PDB file of N, CA and C in Angstrom:
ATOM      1  N   MET A   1     -23.903  -7.621  41.010  1.00  0.00           N
ATOM      2  CA  MET A   1     -23.475  -8.962  41.342  1.00  0.00           C
ATOM      3  C   MET A   1     -24.300  -9.959  40.538  1.00  0.00           C
ATOM      4  N   ILE A   2     -23.646 -10.981  40.051  1.00  0.00           N
ATOM      5  CA  ILE A   2     -24.321 -12.041  39.305  1.00  0.00           C
ATOM      6  C   ILE A   2     -24.572 -13.202  40.258  1.00  0.00           C
ATOM      7  N   ASN A   3     -25.789 -13.699  40.247  1.00  0.00           N
ATOM      8  CA  ASN A   3     -26.139 -14.827  41.101  1.00  0.00           C
ATOM      9  C   ASN A   3     -26.270 -16.073  40.238  1.00  0.00           C
ATOM     10  N   ILE A   4     -25.404 -17.055  40.470  1.00  0.00           N
ATOM     11  CA  ILE A   4     -25.421 -18.301  39.705  1.00  0.00           C
ATOM     12  C   ILE A   4     -25.837 -19.427  40.636  1.00  0.00           C
ATOM     13  N   THR A   5     -26.809 -20.200  40.194  1.00  0.00           N
ATOM     14  CA  THR A   5     -27.261 -21.362  40.953  1.00  0.00           C
ATOM     15  C   THR A   5     -26.845 -22.616  40.200  1.00  0.00           C
ATOM     16  N   ILE A   6     -26.175 -23.526  40.891  1.00  0.00           N
ATOM     17  CA  ILE A   6     -25.763 -24.776  40.256  1.00  0.00           C
ATOM     18  C   ILE A   6     -27.015 -25.584  39.931  1.00  0.00           C
ATOM     19  N   PRO A   7     -27.161 -26.015  38.678  1.00  0.00           N
ATOM     20  CA  PRO A   7     -28.386 -26.746  38.305  1.00  0.00           C
ATOM     21  C   PRO A   7     -28.474 -28.110  38.980  1.00  0.00           C
ATOM     22  N   LYS A   8     -29.694 -28.549  39.173  1.00  0.00           N
ATOM     23  CA  LYS A   8     -29.924 -29.897  39.710  1.00  0.00           C
ATOM     24  C   LYS A   8     -29.642 -30.907  38.608  1.00  0.00           C
ATOM     25  N   PRO A   9     -29.062 -32.052  38.943  1.00  0.00           N
ATOM     26  CA  PRO A   9     -28.747 -33.052  37.912  1.00  0.00           C
ATOM     27  C   PRO A   9     -30.007 -33.610  37.250  1.00  0.00           C
ATOM     28  N   ASP A  10     -29.937 -33.773  35.937  1.00  0.00           N
ATOM     29  CA  ASP A  10     -31.008 -34.431  35.195  1.00  0.00           C
ATOM     30  C   ASP A  10     -30.835 -35.942  35.246  1.00  0.00           C
ATOM     31  N   VAL A  11     -29.584 -36.391  35.362  1.00  0.00           N
ATOM     32  CA  VAL A  11     -29.267 -37.820  35.428  1.00  0.00           C
ATOM     33  C   VAL A  11     -28.151 -38.010  36.448  1.00  0.00           C
ATOM     34  N   SER A  12     -28.303 -39.018  37.304  1.00  0.00           N
ATOM     35  CA  SER A  12     -27.239 -39.427  38.221  1.00  0.00           C
ATOM     36  C   SER A  12     -27.052 -40.926  38.068  1.00  0.00           C
ATOM     37  N   ILE A  13     -25.807 -41.346  37.897  1.00  0.00           N
ATOM     38  CA  ILE A  13     -25.553 -42.784  37.856  1.00  0.00           C
ATOM     39  C   ILE A  13     -24.528 -43.117  38.928  1.00  0.00           C
ATOM     40  N   LEU A  14     -24.731 -44.269  39.554  1.00  0.00           N
ATOM     41  CA  LEU A  14     -23.884 -44.696  40.654  1.00  0.00           C
ATOM     42  C   LEU A  14     -23.055 -45.910  40.260  1.00  0.00           C
ATOM     43  N   LYS A  15     -21.883 -45.992  40.837  1.00  0.00           N
ATOM     44  CA  LYS A  15     -21.006 -47.142  40.615  1.00  0.00           C
ATOM     45  C   LYS A  15     -21.592 -48.345  41.345  1.00  0.00           C
ATOM     46  N   GLN A  16     -21.563 -49.489  40.688  1.00  0.00           N
ATOM     47  CA  GLN A  16     -22.046 -50.718  41.299  1.00  0.00           C
ATOM     48  C   GLN A  16     -20.851 -51.562  41.732  1.00  0.00           C
ATOM     49  N   ASP A  17     -20.980 -52.241  42.869  1.00  0.00           N
ATOM     50  CA  ASP A  17     -19.865 -53.032  43.391  1.00  0.00           C
ATOM     51  C   ASP A  17     -19.537 -54.231  42.513  1.00  0.00           C
ATOM     52  N   HIS A  18     -20.548 -54.952  42.101  1.00  0.00           N
ATOM     53  CA  HIS A  18     -20.342 -56.155  41.289  1.00  0.00           C
ATOM     54  C   HIS A  18     -21.304 -56.146  40.106  1.00  0.00           C
ATOM     55  N   PRO A  19     -21.030 -55.324  39.107  1.00  0.00           N
ATOM     56  CA  PRO A  19     -21.961 -55.247  37.965  1.00  0.00           C
ATOM     57  C   PRO A  19     -21.984 -56.547  37.176  1.00  0.00           C
ATOM     58  N   GLU A  20     -23.191 -56.964  36.799  1.00  0.00           N
ATOM     59  CA  GLU A  20     -23.350 -58.203  36.033  1.00  0.00           C
ATOM     60  C   GLU A  20     -23.215 -57.952  34.535  1.00  0.00           C
ATOM     61  N   LEU A  21     -23.566 -56.764  34.102  1.00  0.00           N
ATOM     62  CA  LEU A  21     -23.470 -56.422  32.684  1.00  0.00           C
ATOM     63  C   LEU A  21     -22.082 -55.869  32.400  1.00  0.00           C
ATOM     64  N   SER A  22     -21.775 -55.704  31.109  1.00  0.00           N
ATOM     65  CA  SER A  22     -20.500 -55.073  30.794  1.00  0.00           C
ATOM     66  C   SER A  22     -20.512 -53.670  31.390  1.00  0.00           C
ATOM     67  N   HIS A  23     -19.359 -53.215  31.795  1.00  0.00           N
ATOM     68  CA  HIS A  23     -19.309 -51.947  32.510  1.00  0.00           C
ATOM     69  C   HIS A  23     -17.992 -51.228  32.253  1.00  0.00           C
ATOM     70  N   ILE A  24     -17.976 -49.987  32.617  1.00  0.00           N
ATOM     71  CA  ILE A  24     -16.758 -49.184  32.587  1.00  0.00           C
ATOM     72  C   ILE A  24     -16.526 -48.716  34.017  1.00  0.00           C
ATOM     73  N   TYR A  25     -15.529 -49.259  34.674  1.00  0.00           N
ATOM     74  CA  TYR A  25     -15.186 -48.896  36.048  1.00  0.00           C
ATOM     75  C   TYR A  25     -16.384 -48.983  36.990  1.00  0.00           C
ATOM     76  N   GLY A  26     -17.230 -49.983  36.799  1.00  0.00           N
ATOM     77  CA  GLY A  26     -18.361 -50.217  37.687  1.00  0.00           C
ATOM     78  C   GLY A  26     -19.636 -49.485  37.324  1.00  0.00           C
ATOM     79  N   PHE A  27     -19.611 -48.651  36.296  1.00  0.00           N
ATOM     80  CA  PHE A  27     -20.814 -47.924  35.872  1.00  0.00           C
ATOM     81  C   PHE A  27     -21.484 -48.681  34.727  1.00  0.00           C
ATOM     82  N   THR A  28     -22.751 -49.023  34.919  1.00  0.00           N
ATOM     83  CA  THR A  28     -23.473 -49.784  33.900  1.00  0.00           C
ATOM     84  C   THR A  28     -24.619 -48.991  33.283  1.00  0.00           C
ATOM     85  N   ASP A  29     -24.906 -47.816  33.790  1.00  0.00           N
ATOM     86  CA  ASP A  29     -26.085 -47.065  33.346  1.00  0.00           C
ATOM     87  C   ASP A  29     -25.762 -45.900  32.424  1.00  0.00           C
ATOM     88  N   PHE A  30     -24.712 -46.034  31.617  1.00  0.00           N
ATOM     89  CA  PHE A  30     -24.378 -44.961  30.684  1.00  0.00           C
ATOM     90  C   PHE A  30     -25.510 -44.683  29.696  1.00  0.00           C
ATOM     91  N   HIS A  31     -26.372 -45.684  29.465  1.00  0.00           N
ATOM     92  CA  HIS A  31     -27.487 -45.488  28.532  1.00  0.00           C
ATOM     93  C   HIS A  31     -28.462 -44.412  29.016  1.00  0.00           C
ATOM     94  N   LEU A  32     -28.435 -44.058  30.297  1.00  0.00           N
ATOM     95  CA  LEU A  32     -29.316 -43.016  30.832  1.00  0.00           C
ATOM     96  C   LEU A  32     -28.839 -41.613  30.459  1.00  0.00           C
ATOM     97  N   ILE A  33     -27.577 -41.497  30.073  1.00  0.00           N
ATOM     98  CA  ILE A  33     -27.011 -40.204  29.688  1.00  0.00           C
ATOM     99  C   ILE A  33     -27.276 -39.991  28.202  1.00  0.00           C
ATOM    100  N   PRO A  34     -27.906 -38.886  27.842  1.00  0.00           N
ATOM    101  CA  PRO A  34     -28.193 -38.633  26.422  1.00  0.00           C
ATOM    102  C   PRO A  34     -26.918 -38.619  25.580  1.00  0.00           C
ATOM    103  N   ARG A  35     -26.998 -39.223  24.422  1.00  0.00           N
ATOM    104  CA  ARG A  35     -25.843 -39.334  23.526  1.00  0.00           C
ATOM    105  C   ARG A  35     -25.575 -38.029  22.778  1.00  0.00           C
ATOM    106  N   ASP A  36     -26.626 -37.362  22.316  1.00  0.00           N
ATOM    107  CA  ASP A  36     -26.460 -36.209  21.431  1.00  0.00           C
ATOM    108  C   ASP A  36     -26.895 -34.886  22.049  1.00  0.00           C
ATOM    109  N   MET A  37     -26.850 -34.786  23.369  1.00  0.00           N
ATOM    110  CA  MET A  37     -27.214 -33.531  24.022  1.00  0.00           C
ATOM    111  C   MET A  37     -26.007 -32.969  24.741  1.00  0.00           C
ATOM    112  N   GLY A  38     -25.975 -31.653  24.877  1.00  0.00           N
ATOM    113  CA  GLY A  38     -24.883 -30.988  25.564  1.00  0.00           C
ATOM    114  C   GLY A  38     -25.209 -30.739  27.019  1.00  0.00           C
ATOM    115  N   GLY A  39     -24.161 -30.495  27.786  1.00  0.00           N
ATOM    116  CA  GLY A  39     -24.360 -30.195  29.196  1.00  0.00           C
ATOM    117  C   GLY A  39     -23.065 -30.224  29.972  1.00  0.00           C
ATOM    118  N   ILE A  40     -23.212 -30.347  31.275  1.00  0.00           N
ATOM    119  CA  ILE A  40     -22.059 -30.462  32.152  1.00  0.00           C
ATOM    120  C   ILE A  40     -22.149 -31.778  32.913  1.00  0.00           C
ATOM    121  N   PHE A  41     -20.994 -32.277  33.333  1.00  0.00           N
ATOM    122  CA  PHE A  41     -20.954 -33.512  34.112  1.00  0.00           C
ATOM    123  C   PHE A  41     -20.024 -33.327  35.289  1.00  0.00           C
ATOM    124  N   MET A  42     -20.326 -34.042  36.380  1.00  0.00           N
ATOM    125  CA  MET A  42     -19.537 -33.941  37.597  1.00  0.00           C
ATOM    126  C   MET A  42     -19.263 -35.338  38.146  1.00  0.00           C
ATOM    127  N   PHE A  43     -18.001 -35.599  38.457  1.00  0.00           N
ATOM    128  CA  PHE A  43     -17.583 -36.865  39.043  1.00  0.00           C
ATOM    129  C   PHE A  43     -17.371 -36.661  40.545  1.00  0.00           C
ATOM    130  N   TYR A  44     -17.992 -37.538  41.344  1.00  0.00           N
ATOM    131  CA  TYR A  44     -17.888 -37.450  42.806  1.00  0.00           C
ATOM    132  C   TYR A  44     -17.290 -38.738  43.367  1.00  0.00           C
ATOM    133  N   ASN A  45     -16.709 -38.645  44.571  1.00  0.00           N
ATOM    134  CA  ASN A  45     -16.218 -39.827  45.271  1.00  0.00           C
ATOM    135  C   ASN A  45     -17.211 -40.249  46.349  1.00  0.00           C
ATOM    136  N   ASP A  46     -16.817 -41.216  47.175  1.00  0.00           N
ATOM    137  CA  ASP A  46     -17.676 -41.732  48.257  1.00  0.00           C
ATOM    138  C   ASP A  46     -18.121 -40.658  49.238  1.00  0.00           C
ATOM    139  N   ASN A  47     -17.294 -39.643  49.438  1.00  0.00           N
ATOM    140  CA  ASN A  47     -17.586 -38.590  50.409  1.00  0.00           C
ATOM    141  C   ASN A  47     -18.342 -37.412  49.797  1.00  0.00           C
ATOM    142  N   GLU A  48     -18.879 -37.593  48.580  1.00  0.00           N
ATOM    143  CA  GLU A  48     -19.591 -36.528  47.861  1.00  0.00           C
ATOM    144  C   GLU A  48     -18.677 -35.339  47.567  1.00  0.00           C
ATOM    145  N   GLU A  49     -17.371 -35.590  47.495  1.00  0.00           N
ATOM    146  CA  GLU A  49     -16.407 -34.556  47.144  1.00  0.00           C
ATOM    147  C   GLU A  49     -16.309 -34.491  45.624  1.00  0.00           C
ATOM    148  N   LEU A  50     -16.379 -33.282  45.061  1.00  0.00           N
ATOM    149  CA  LEU A  50     -16.286 -33.121  43.617  1.00  0.00           C
ATOM    150  C   LEU A  50     -14.850 -33.364  43.180  1.00  0.00           C
ATOM    151  N   LEU A  51     -14.667 -34.401  42.348  1.00  0.00           N
ATOM    152  CA  LEU A  51     -13.335 -34.739  41.863  1.00  0.00           C
ATOM    153  C   LEU A  51     -13.006 -33.998  40.570  1.00  0.00           C
ATOM    154  N   PHE A  52     -13.967 -33.969  39.658  1.00  0.00           N
ATOM    155  CA  PHE A  52     -13.724 -33.392  38.345  1.00  0.00           C
ATOM    156  C   PHE A  52     -15.065 -33.009  37.735  1.00  0.00           C
ATOM    157  N   MET A  53     -15.062 -31.955  36.959  1.00  0.00           N
ATOM    158  CA  MET A  53     -16.272 -31.599  36.219  1.00  0.00           C
ATOM    159  C   MET A  53     -15.868 -31.049  34.875  1.00  0.00           C
ATOM    160  N   GLY A  54     -16.768 -31.197  33.931  1.00  0.00           N
ATOM    161  CA  GLY A  54     -16.480 -30.723  32.591  1.00  0.00           C
ATOM    162  C   GLY A  54     -17.760 -30.430  31.836  1.00  0.00           C
ATOM    163  N   LYS A  55     -17.576 -29.972  30.619  1.00  0.00           N
ATOM    164  CA  LYS A  55     -18.715 -29.666  29.758  1.00  0.00           C
ATOM    165  C   LYS A  55     -18.523 -30.425  28.461  1.00  0.00           C
ATOM    166  N   ALA A  56     -19.620 -30.619  27.742  1.00  0.00           N
ATOM    167  CA  ALA A  56     -19.527 -31.351  26.482  1.00  0.00           C
ATOM    168  C   ALA A  56     -20.693 -30.986  25.581  1.00  0.00           C
ATOM    169  N   ARG A  57     -20.415 -31.012  24.296  1.00  0.00           N
ATOM    170  CA  ARG A  57     -21.466 -30.815  23.298  1.00  0.00           C
ATOM    171  C   ARG A  57     -22.267 -32.103  23.142  1.00  0.00           C
ATOM    172  N   LYS A  58     -21.592 -33.238  23.323  1.00  0.00           N
ATOM    173  CA  LYS A  58     -22.226 -34.560  23.310  1.00  0.00           C
ATOM    174  C   LYS A  58     -21.755 -35.280  24.563  1.00  0.00           C
ATOM    175  N   LEU A  59     -22.672 -35.421  25.521  1.00  0.00           N
ATOM    176  CA  LEU A  59     -22.301 -35.855  26.861  1.00  0.00           C
ATOM    177  C   LEU A  59     -21.775 -37.285  26.976  1.00  0.00           C
ATOM    178  N   ARG A  60     -22.549 -38.261  26.504  1.00  0.00           N
ATOM    179  CA  ARG A  60     -22.166 -39.654  26.750  1.00  0.00           C
ATOM    180  C   ARG A  60     -20.777 -39.994  26.214  1.00  0.00           C
ATOM    181  N   PRO A  61     -20.465 -39.665  24.948  1.00  0.00           N
ATOM    182  CA  PRO A  61     -19.121 -39.993  24.463  1.00  0.00           C
ATOM    183  C   PRO A  61     -18.016 -39.273  25.240  1.00  0.00           C
ATOM    184  N   ARG A  62     -18.281 -38.049  25.662  1.00  0.00           N
ATOM    185  CA  ARG A  62     -17.261 -37.284  26.397  1.00  0.00           C
ATOM    186  C   ARG A  62     -16.995 -37.888  27.763  1.00  0.00           C
ATOM    187  N   ILE A  63     -18.048 -38.300  28.456  1.00  0.00           N
ATOM    188  CA  ILE A  63     -17.879 -38.901  29.781  1.00  0.00           C
ATOM    189  C   ILE A  63     -17.147 -40.232  29.656  1.00  0.00           C
ATOM    190  N   LYS A  64     -17.553 -41.054  28.699  1.00  0.00           N
ATOM    191  CA  LYS A  64     -16.884 -42.347  28.504  1.00  0.00           C
ATOM    192  C   LYS A  64     -15.411 -42.161  28.184  1.00  0.00           C
ATOM    193  N   LYS A  65     -15.105 -41.107  27.440  1.00  0.00           N
ATOM    194  CA  LYS A  65     -13.716 -40.850  27.062  1.00  0.00           C
ATOM    195  C   LYS A  65     -12.825 -40.648  28.292  1.00  0.00           C
ATOM    196  N   HIS A  66     -13.374 -40.054  29.337  1.00  0.00           N
ATOM    197  CA  HIS A  66     -12.595 -39.857  30.563  1.00  0.00           C
ATOM    198  C   HIS A  66     -12.230 -41.185  31.224  1.00  0.00           C
ATOM    199  N   PHE A  67     -12.993 -42.230  30.949  1.00  0.00           N
ATOM    200  CA  PHE A  67     -12.702 -43.540  31.531  1.00  0.00           C
ATOM    201  C   PHE A  67     -11.866 -44.416  30.611  1.00  0.00           C
ATOM    202  N   GLU A  68     -11.668 -43.986  29.375  1.00  0.00           N
ATOM    203  CA  GLU A  68     -10.932 -44.807  28.409  1.00  0.00           C
ATOM    204  C   GLU A  68      -9.661 -44.141  27.900  1.00  0.00           C
ATOM    205  N   ASP A  69      -9.620 -42.830  27.915  1.00  0.00           N
ATOM    206  CA  ASP A  69      -8.542 -42.056  27.306  1.00  0.00           C
ATOM    207  C   ASP A  69      -7.261 -42.106  28.144  1.00  0.00           C
ATOM    208  N   THR A  70      -6.128 -42.082  27.475  1.00  0.00           N
ATOM    209  CA  THR A  70      -4.853 -42.100  28.203  1.00  0.00           C
ATOM    210  C   THR A  70      -4.365 -40.707  28.566  1.00  0.00           C
ATOM    211  N   VAL A  71      -5.012 -39.665  28.050  1.00  0.00           N
ATOM    212  CA  VAL A  71      -4.585 -38.300  28.358  1.00  0.00           C
ATOM    213  C   VAL A  71      -5.577 -37.554  29.258  1.00  0.00           C
ATOM    214  N   SER A  72      -6.613 -38.205  29.710  1.00  0.00           N
ATOM    215  CA  SER A  72      -7.596 -37.572  30.583  1.00  0.00           C
ATOM    216  C   SER A  72      -6.953 -37.198  31.916  1.00  0.00           C
ATOM    217  N   PRO A  73      -7.317 -36.033  32.478  1.00  0.00           N
ATOM    218  CA  PRO A  73      -6.817 -35.683  33.808  1.00  0.00           C
ATOM    219  C   PRO A  73      -7.279 -36.676  34.872  1.00  0.00           C
ATOM    220  N   MET A  74      -8.279 -37.480  34.546  1.00  0.00           N
ATOM    221  CA  MET A  74      -8.817 -38.457  35.494  1.00  0.00           C
ATOM    222  C   MET A  74      -8.155 -39.823  35.383  1.00  0.00           C
ATOM    223  N   LYS A  75      -7.213 -40.017  34.482  1.00  0.00           N
ATOM    224  CA  LYS A  75      -6.696 -41.361  34.208  1.00  0.00           C
ATOM    225  C   LYS A  75      -6.107 -42.048  35.439  1.00  0.00           C
ATOM    226  N   MET A  76      -5.522 -41.306  36.352  1.00  0.00           N
ATOM    227  CA  MET A  76      -4.942 -41.906  37.552  1.00  0.00           C
ATOM    228  C   MET A  76      -5.940 -41.974  38.714  1.00  0.00           C
ATOM    229  N   HIS A  77      -7.147 -41.460  38.502  1.00  0.00           N
ATOM    230  CA  HIS A  77      -8.108 -41.336  39.605  1.00  0.00           C
ATOM    231  C   HIS A  77      -9.464 -41.948  39.278  1.00  0.00           C
ATOM    232  N   ARG A  78      -9.546 -42.744  38.237  1.00  0.00           N
ATOM    233  CA  ARG A  78     -10.838 -43.298  37.790  1.00  0.00           C
ATOM    234  C   ARG A  78     -11.502 -44.169  38.843  1.00  0.00           C
ATOM    235  N   GLU A  79     -10.699 -44.886  39.616  1.00  0.00           N
ATOM    236  CA  GLU A  79     -11.252 -45.783  40.640  1.00  0.00           C
ATOM    237  C   GLU A  79     -11.954 -45.017  41.764  1.00  0.00           C
ATOM    238  N   GLU A  80     -11.605 -43.750  41.943  1.00  0.00           N
ATOM    239  CA  GLU A  80     -12.208 -42.937  43.004  1.00  0.00           C
ATOM    240  C   GLU A  80     -13.653 -42.553  42.696  1.00  0.00           C
ATOM    241  N   VAL A  81     -14.011 -42.495  41.427  1.00  0.00           N
ATOM    242  CA  VAL A  81     -15.329 -42.005  41.024  1.00  0.00           C
ATOM    243  C   VAL A  81     -16.405 -43.022  41.398  1.00  0.00           C
ATOM    244  N   THR A  82     -17.397 -42.567  42.192  1.00  0.00           N
ATOM    245  CA  THR A  82     -18.503 -43.446  42.580  1.00  0.00           C
ATOM    246  C   THR A  82     -19.856 -42.924  42.110  1.00  0.00           C
ATOM    247  N   LYS A  83     -19.888 -41.664  41.661  1.00  0.00           N
ATOM    248  CA  LYS A  83     -21.154 -41.087  41.195  1.00  0.00           C
ATOM    249  C   LYS A  83     -20.865 -40.087  40.082  1.00  0.00           C
ATOM    250  N   ILE A  84     -21.729 -40.095  39.072  1.00  0.00           N
ATOM    251  CA  ILE A  84     -21.639 -39.130  37.982  1.00  0.00           C
ATOM    252  C   ILE A  84     -22.977 -38.408  37.891  1.00  0.00           C
ATOM    253  N   ASP A  85     -22.935 -37.090  38.011  1.00  0.00           N
ATOM    254  CA  ASP A  85     -24.126 -36.251  37.827  1.00  0.00           C
ATOM    255  C   ASP A  85     -24.025 -35.560  36.482  1.00  0.00           C
ATOM    256  N   VAL A  86     -25.158 -35.492  35.780  1.00  0.00           N
ATOM    257  CA  VAL A  86     -25.203 -34.860  34.463  1.00  0.00           C
ATOM    258  C   VAL A  86     -26.336 -33.839  34.452  1.00  0.00           C
ATOM    259  N   CYS A  87     -26.026 -32.627  33.987  1.00  0.00           N
ATOM    260  CA  CYS A  87     -27.021 -31.571  33.823  1.00  0.00           C
ATOM    261  C   CYS A  87     -27.089 -31.220  32.344  1.00  0.00           C
ATOM    262  N   LEU A  88     -28.271 -31.299  31.772  1.00  0.00           N
ATOM    263  CA  LEU A  88     -28.451 -30.991  30.353  1.00  0.00           C
ATOM    264  C   LEU A  88     -28.536 -29.481  30.163  1.00  0.00           C
ATOM    265  N   ILE A  89     -27.595 -28.946  29.410  1.00  0.00           N
ATOM    266  CA  ILE A  89     -27.528 -27.508  29.150  1.00  0.00           C
ATOM    267  C   ILE A  89     -27.122 -27.339  27.698  1.00  0.00           C
ATOM    268  N   GLU A  90     -28.042 -26.884  26.874  1.00  0.00           N
ATOM    269  CA  GLU A  90     -27.774 -26.799  25.441  1.00  0.00           C
ATOM    270  C   GLU A  90     -26.901 -25.616  25.049  1.00  0.00           C
ATOM    271  N   SER A  91     -26.985 -24.507  25.741  1.00  0.00           N
ATOM    272  CA  SER A  91     -26.236 -23.308  25.367  1.00  0.00           C
ATOM    273  C   SER A  91     -24.749 -23.451  25.684  1.00  0.00           C
ATOM    274  N   PRO A  92     -23.864 -23.340  24.681  1.00  0.00           N
ATOM    275  CA  PRO A  92     -22.423 -23.415  24.935  1.00  0.00           C
ATOM    276  C   PRO A  92     -21.934 -22.335  25.903  1.00  0.00           C
ATOM    277  N   VAL A  93     -22.525 -21.157  25.835  1.00  0.00           N
ATOM    278  CA  VAL A  93     -22.131 -20.071  26.737  1.00  0.00           C
ATOM    279  C   VAL A  93     -22.495 -20.421  28.177  1.00  0.00           C
ATOM    280  N   HIS A  94     -23.681 -20.961  28.377  1.00  0.00           N
ATOM    281  CA  HIS A  94     -24.105 -21.350  29.719  1.00  0.00           C
ATOM    282  C   HIS A  94     -23.234 -22.484  30.254  1.00  0.00           C
ATOM    283  N   ARG A  95     -22.873 -23.437  29.401  1.00  0.00           N
ATOM    284  CA  ARG A  95     -21.982 -24.531  29.834  1.00  0.00           C
ATOM    285  C   ARG A  95     -20.654 -23.976  30.321  1.00  0.00           C
ATOM    286  N   GLU A  96     -20.113 -23.031  29.595  1.00  0.00           N
ATOM    287  CA  GLU A  96     -18.827 -22.416  29.969  1.00  0.00           C
ATOM    288  C   GLU A  96     -18.932 -21.686  31.305  1.00  0.00           C
ATOM    289  N   ILE A  97     -20.006 -20.951  31.491  1.00  0.00           N
ATOM    290  CA  ILE A  97     -20.208 -20.217  32.745  1.00  0.00           C
ATOM    291  C   ILE A  97     -20.332 -21.182  33.911  1.00  0.00           C
ATOM    292  N   TYR A  98     -21.170 -22.222  33.751  1.00  0.00           N
ATOM    293  CA  TYR A  98     -21.343 -23.203  34.829  1.00  0.00           C
ATOM    294  C   TYR A  98     -20.032 -23.913  35.145  1.00  0.00           C
ATOM    295  N   GLU A  99     -19.289 -24.284  34.112  1.00  0.00           N
ATOM    296  CA  GLU A  99     -18.027 -24.995  34.356  1.00  0.00           C
ATOM    297  C   GLU A  99     -17.071 -24.134  35.179  1.00  0.00           C
ATOM    298  N   THR A 100     -16.870 -22.912  34.761  1.00  0.00           N
ATOM    299  CA  THR A 100     -15.958 -22.024  35.476  1.00  0.00           C
ATOM    300  C   THR A 100     -16.429 -21.780  36.906  1.00  0.00           C
ATOM    301  N   TYR A 101     -17.718 -21.538  37.070  1.00  0.00           N
ATOM    302  CA  TYR A 101     -18.268 -21.278  38.402  1.00  0.00           C
ATOM    303  C   TYR A 101     -18.126 -22.497  39.319  1.00  0.00           C
ATOM    304  N   ILE A 102     -18.522 -23.661  38.839  1.00  0.00           N
ATOM    305  CA  ILE A 102     -18.508 -24.862  39.677  1.00  0.00           C
ATOM    306  C   ILE A 102     -17.085 -25.255  40.057  1.00  0.00           C
ATOM    307  N   VAL A 103     -16.168 -25.218  39.106  1.00  0.00           N
ATOM    308  CA  VAL A 103     -14.776 -25.583  39.402  1.00  0.00           C
ATOM    309  C   VAL A 103     -14.218 -24.680  40.495  1.00  0.00           C
ATOM    310  N   ASN A 104     -14.499 -23.398  40.401  1.00  0.00           N
ATOM    311  CA  ASN A 104     -13.973 -22.458  41.384  1.00  0.00           C
ATOM    312  C   ASN A 104     -14.731 -22.485  42.704  1.00  0.00           C
ATOM    313  N   GLU A 105     -16.051 -22.587  42.643  1.00  0.00           N
ATOM    314  CA  GLU A 105     -16.869 -22.544  43.850  1.00  0.00           C
ATOM    315  C   GLU A 105     -16.758 -23.829  44.670  1.00  0.00           C
ATOM    316  N   LEU A 106     -16.801 -24.984  44.006  1.00  0.00           N
ATOM    317  CA  LEU A 106     -16.766 -26.262  44.717  1.00  0.00           C
ATOM    318  C   LEU A 106     -15.361 -26.852  44.810  1.00  0.00           C
ATOM    319  N   GLN A 107     -14.378 -26.143  44.265  1.00  0.00           N
ATOM    320  CA  GLN A 107     -12.978 -26.573  44.360  1.00  0.00           C
ATOM    321  C   GLN A 107     -12.784 -27.995  43.834  1.00  0.00           C
ATOM    322  N   ALA A 108     -13.167 -28.215  42.594  1.00  0.00           N
ATOM    323  CA  ALA A 108     -13.016 -29.538  41.982  1.00  0.00           C
ATOM    324  C   ALA A 108     -11.550 -29.978  42.072  1.00  0.00           C
ATOM    325  N   LYS A 109     -11.337 -31.140  42.638  1.00  0.00           N
ATOM    326  CA  LYS A 109     -10.000 -31.613  43.002  1.00  0.00           C
ATOM    327  C   LYS A 109      -9.032 -31.753  41.823  1.00  0.00           C
ATOM    328  N   TYR A 110      -9.502 -32.256  40.693  1.00  0.00           N
ATOM    329  CA  TYR A 110      -8.605 -32.550  39.575  1.00  0.00           C
ATOM    330  C   TYR A 110      -8.788 -31.621  38.374  1.00  0.00           C
ATOM    331  N   ASN A 111      -9.511 -30.537  38.518  1.00  0.00           N
ATOM    332  CA  ASN A 111      -9.636 -29.535  37.453  1.00  0.00           C
ATOM    333  C   ASN A 111      -8.555 -28.466  37.627  1.00  0.00           C
ATOM    334  N   VAL A 112      -7.329 -28.840  37.443  1.00  0.00           N
ATOM    335  CA  VAL A 112      -6.238 -27.912  37.723  1.00  0.00           C
ATOM    336  C   VAL A 112      -6.097 -26.819  36.660  1.00  0.00           C
ATOM    337  N   ASP A 113      -6.467 -27.089  35.424  1.00  0.00           N
ATOM    338  CA  ASP A 113      -6.314 -26.094  34.363  1.00  0.00           C
ATOM    339  C   ASP A 113      -7.400 -25.029  34.366  1.00  0.00           C
ATOM    340  N   LYS A 114      -8.542 -25.314  34.955  1.00  0.00           N
ATOM    341  CA  LYS A 114      -9.684 -24.409  34.873  1.00  0.00           C
ATOM    342  C   LYS A 114      -9.809 -23.487  36.080  1.00  0.00           C
ATOM    343  N   VAL A 115      -9.037 -23.719  37.142  1.00  0.00           N
ATOM    344  CA  VAL A 115      -9.151 -22.901  38.331  1.00  0.00           C
ATOM    345  C   VAL A 115      -8.573 -21.515  38.039  1.00  0.00           C
ATOM    346  N   LEU A 116      -9.414 -20.508  38.098  1.00  0.00           N
ATOM    347  CA  LEU A 116      -9.007 -19.153  37.773  1.00  0.00           C
ATOM    348  C   LEU A 116      -8.767 -18.296  39.003  1.00  0.00           C
ATOM    349  N   PHE A 117      -9.471 -18.600  40.089  1.00  0.00           N
ATOM    350  CA  PHE A 117      -9.367 -17.799  41.302  1.00  0.00           C
ATOM    351  C   PHE A 117      -9.091 -18.703  42.484  1.00  0.00           C
ATOM    352  N   LYS A 118      -8.133 -18.294  43.308  1.00  0.00           N
ATOM    353  CA  LYS A 118      -7.834 -19.111  44.510  1.00  0.00           C
ATOM    354  C   LYS A 118      -7.920 -18.271  45.739  1.00  0.00           C
TER     355      LYS A 118
END
């Protein structure tokens, strides 16, 4: 049996109700997410329910793309996101393993293409 432990977030950013700075859907702390590092990211709602998670070779641009892109699976649900957790993971193989495990174990609501076991 393989034992996988979900990593603790290296960065967490929260949605602000009335951000004074320029923002994307209420998030103003994107600068805390490394631009050129790989890892996994998780979008949560008010109830700490996992909405979506993904992996990226470059985290910050990939996360921002989910809030700007017209083809993102999150495009109809962006307003629900209140917290973003980021875990820095450089190994592409480890990112893939974590993504598959987390989507299946935590039942990410909008990761419909990645769910392998029900």
